[in-house]
């Protein structure tokens, strides 16, 4: 973890760089909750009907994949400007594997809390970044490296030891 006592710029205090993010969540029952962020419309999080939910929104794990893809795209936008990197038509896809434990619960009759997880979070994430760019392979490799270095959600996942397999595809 970074030492939070100093910043790179001597005239900037750590307290000036750290910012709080607030979310309020109301549990609605069963698997459904509604989240309130700033003045945005409510964001529902739920499970599919076949798992006992109302399918009123993405699951929590689907939301983290949305956040990973969106964060990657936002960092790409920042770096596109800073590096004068020509890129259009960006599209991201993510597929994750996680341990749902249901198969073992059915086979053994154990409760959810009695099944030892293979992983408490994602086992693996395959992320594909599709884009159009005339940039050289060398510049694309540097751009990709910088995106991965600077994306907070990428680090949140990798710090949790989630294996992210990222493929960047020219279209």
Protein backbone atom coordinates (compact mmCIF):
# COMPACT_ATOMS: atom_id res chain seq x y z
CA UNK A 1 0.00 0.00 0.00
CA UNK A 2 1.16 3.55 -0.66
CA UNK A 3 2.51 5.73 2.14
CA UNK A 4 -0.20 8.37 2.61
CA UNK A 5 1.99 10.84 4.50
CA UNK A 6 3.33 12.66 1.42
CA UNK A 7 2.45 13.35 -2.20
CA UNK A 8 4.67 13.71 -5.26
CA UNK A 9 4.19 17.49 -5.25
CA UNK A 10 5.64 19.14 -2.14
CA UNK A 11 2.98 21.88 -2.14
CA UNK A 12 0.00 19.47 -2.20
CA UNK A 13 -1.34 17.94 0.99
CA UNK A 14 -2.62 14.36 1.08
CA UNK A 15 -5.96 15.65 2.37
CA UNK A 16 -6.32 17.64 -0.87
CA UNK A 17 -5.97 14.47 -2.97
CA UNK A 18 -8.21 12.04 -1.07
CA UNK A 19 -11.92 12.33 -1.72
CA UNK A 20 -14.88 10.48 -0.24
CA UNK A 21 -17.38 8.63 -2.39
CA UNK A 22 -20.82 8.04 -0.88
CA UNK A 23 -23.52 5.54 -1.78
CA UNK A 24 -26.72 4.81 0.16
CA UNK A 25 -28.30 1.38 -0.20
CA UNK A 26 -31.83 0.44 0.87
CA UNK A 27 -32.45 -3.29 1.25
CA UNK A 28 -35.87 -4.03 -0.28
CA UNK A 29 -36.14 -7.70 0.65
CA UNK A 30 -35.13 -11.10 -0.68
CA UNK A 31 -32.21 -10.33 -3.06
CA UNK A 32 -33.25 -6.83 -4.10
CA UNK A 33 -31.71 -3.53 -3.06
CA UNK A 34 -31.81 -0.01 -4.45
CA UNK A 35 -28.76 2.22 -4.47
CA UNK A 36 -28.62 5.99 -4.42
CA UNK A 37 -25.60 7.78 -5.89
CA UNK A 38 -25.44 11.60 -6.01
CA UNK A 39 -28.63 12.83 -7.76
CA UNK A 40 -28.77 9.96 -10.26
CA UNK A 41 -31.79 7.72 -10.83
CA UNK A 42 -31.96 4.79 -8.41
CA UNK A 43 -29.81 1.78 -9.31
CA UNK A 44 -31.41 -1.57 -8.54
CA UNK A 45 -29.29 -4.62 -7.78
CA UNK A 46 -30.97 -8.01 -7.79
CA UNK A 47 -30.70 -11.65 -8.78
CA UNK A 48 -32.37 -13.29 -11.81
CA UNK A 49 -35.83 -14.81 -11.34
CA UNK A 50 -34.45 -18.35 -11.62
CA UNK A 51 -32.29 -17.65 -8.56
CA UNK A 52 -35.12 -16.19 -6.51
CA UNK A 53 -34.79 -12.53 -7.42
CA UNK A 54 -37.05 -10.19 -9.37
CA UNK A 55 -34.47 -9.47 -12.12
CA UNK A 56 -34.89 -5.74 -11.45
CA UNK A 57 -31.21 -5.02 -12.04
CA UNK A 58 -27.75 -6.52 -12.41
CA UNK A 59 -26.30 -8.75 -9.72
CA UNK A 60 -23.55 -7.29 -7.51
CA UNK A 61 -20.95 -9.26 -9.45
CA UNK A 62 -22.34 -8.02 -12.79
CA UNK A 63 -22.11 -4.47 -11.42
CA UNK A 64 -18.40 -4.93 -10.68
CA UNK A 65 -17.81 -6.08 -14.27
CA UNK A 66 -19.70 -2.98 -15.48
CA UNK A 67 -17.47 -0.87 -13.23
CA UNK A 68 -14.29 -2.55 -14.53
CA UNK A 69 -15.25 -1.99 -18.18
CA UNK A 70 -16.44 1.58 -17.57
CA UNK A 71 -13.34 2.48 -15.57
CA UNK A 72 -11.12 1.05 -18.31
CA UNK A 73 -12.96 3.15 -20.91
CA UNK A 74 -12.68 6.32 -18.81
CA UNK A 75 -8.93 5.85 -18.31
CA UNK A 76 -8.61 5.19 -22.05
CA UNK A 77 -10.32 8.54 -22.69
CA UNK A 78 -7.98 10.42 -20.34
CA UNK A 79 -4.87 8.79 -21.82
CA UNK A 80 -6.13 9.25 -25.38
CA UNK A 81 -5.98 12.99 -24.77
CA UNK A 82 -2.71 13.00 -22.83
CA UNK A 83 -0.84 10.71 -25.23
CA UNK A 84 -2.51 12.14 -28.37
CA UNK A 85 -3.54 8.57 -29.14
CA UNK A 86 -5.97 8.16 -32.03
CA UNK A 87 -8.72 5.70 -31.16
CA UNK A 88 -12.40 5.32 -32.07
CA UNK A 89 -15.18 2.76 -31.75
CA UNK A 90 -14.22 1.48 -28.31
CA UNK A 91 -16.27 -1.44 -26.99
CA UNK A 92 -15.48 -3.62 -23.97
CA UNK A 93 -16.72 -7.06 -22.97
CA UNK A 94 -16.03 -8.94 -19.77
CA UNK A 95 -16.82 -12.51 -18.82
CA UNK A 96 -16.07 -13.71 -15.31
CA UNK A 97 -16.02 -17.07 -13.62
CA UNK A 98 -17.15 -17.28 -10.02
CA UNK A 99 -18.08 -20.03 -7.61
CA UNK A 100 -21.86 -20.17 -7.26
CA UNK A 101 -21.71 -23.17 -4.90
CA UNK A 102 -25.20 -24.34 -6.02
CA UNK A 103 -23.93 -27.58 -7.59
CA UNK A 104 -22.31 -28.67 -4.35
CA UNK A 105 -25.34 -27.55 -2.33
CA UNK A 106 -27.64 -29.72 -4.50
CA UNK A 107 -25.29 -32.72 -4.38
CA UNK A 108 -24.56 -32.62 -0.64
CA UNK A 109 -27.65 -30.95 0.83
CA UNK A 110 -25.38 -28.41 2.54
CA UNK A 111 -26.43 -24.82 3.12
CA UNK A 112 -24.71 -21.94 1.31
CA UNK A 113 -22.73 -21.07 4.45
CA UNK A 114 -21.55 -24.68 4.82
CA UNK A 115 -19.93 -24.93 1.37
CA UNK A 116 -16.27 -23.90 1.34
CA UNK A 117 -15.85 -21.56 -1.65
CA UNK A 118 -13.31 -22.16 -4.39
CA UNK A 119 -12.97 -18.36 -4.47
CA UNK A 120 -14.79 -15.72 -2.46
CA UNK A 121 -14.87 -13.47 -5.51
CA UNK A 122 -14.14 -13.92 -9.19
CA UNK A 123 -11.95 -16.87 -10.08
CA UNK A 124 -11.02 -15.28 -13.42
CA UNK A 125 -12.05 -12.35 -15.63
CA UNK A 126 -11.63 -12.34 -19.40
CA UNK A 127 -11.80 -8.75 -20.63
CA UNK A 128 -11.77 -7.85 -24.31
CA UNK A 129 -11.19 -4.30 -25.48
CA UNK A 130 -12.21 -3.68 -29.10
CA UNK A 131 -11.15 -0.49 -30.86
CA UNK A 132 -10.22 1.13 -34.13
CA UNK A 133 -6.81 2.77 -34.21
CA UNK A 134 -4.13 3.54 -36.80
CA UNK A 135 -1.52 3.65 -34.02
CA UNK A 136 1.54 1.37 -34.18
CA UNK A 137 1.66 -1.88 -32.21
CA UNK A 138 4.35 -0.30 -30.01
CA UNK A 139 2.17 2.72 -29.14
CA UNK A 140 -0.84 0.49 -28.57
CA UNK A 141 1.18 -1.69 -26.18
CA UNK A 142 2.30 1.42 -24.23
CA UNK A 143 -1.27 2.77 -24.18
CA UNK A 144 -2.61 -0.55 -22.88
CA UNK A 145 0.11 -0.75 -20.24
CA UNK A 146 -0.74 2.75 -19.01
CA UNK A 147 -4.48 2.01 -18.93
CA UNK A 148 -3.86 -1.08 -16.79
CA UNK A 149 -1.44 0.83 -14.54
CA UNK A 150 -3.89 3.68 -13.92
CA UNK A 151 -7.31 1.97 -13.75
CA UNK A 152 -8.46 1.77 -10.09
CA UNK A 153 -10.94 -1.07 -10.76
CA UNK A 154 -8.27 -3.13 -12.53
CA UNK A 155 -6.12 -2.78 -9.40
CA UNK A 156 -9.02 -3.52 -7.08
CA UNK A 157 -9.42 -6.85 -8.86
CA UNK A 158 -5.73 -7.72 -9.21
CA UNK A 159 -4.98 -6.70 -5.61
CA UNK A 160 -7.64 -9.27 -4.62
CA UNK A 161 -5.64 -11.82 -6.66
CA UNK A 162 -8.26 -12.06 -9.40
CA UNK A 163 -6.68 -13.30 -12.63
CA UNK A 164 -7.58 -10.79 -15.36
CA UNK A 165 -6.87 -11.98 -18.88
CA UNK A 166 -7.07 -8.90 -21.08
CA UNK A 167 -7.17 -9.03 -24.86
CA UNK A 168 -7.03 -5.87 -26.97
CA UNK A 169 -8.49 -6.34 -30.44
CA UNK A 170 -8.18 -4.00 -33.43
CA UNK A 171 -11.35 -3.80 -35.50
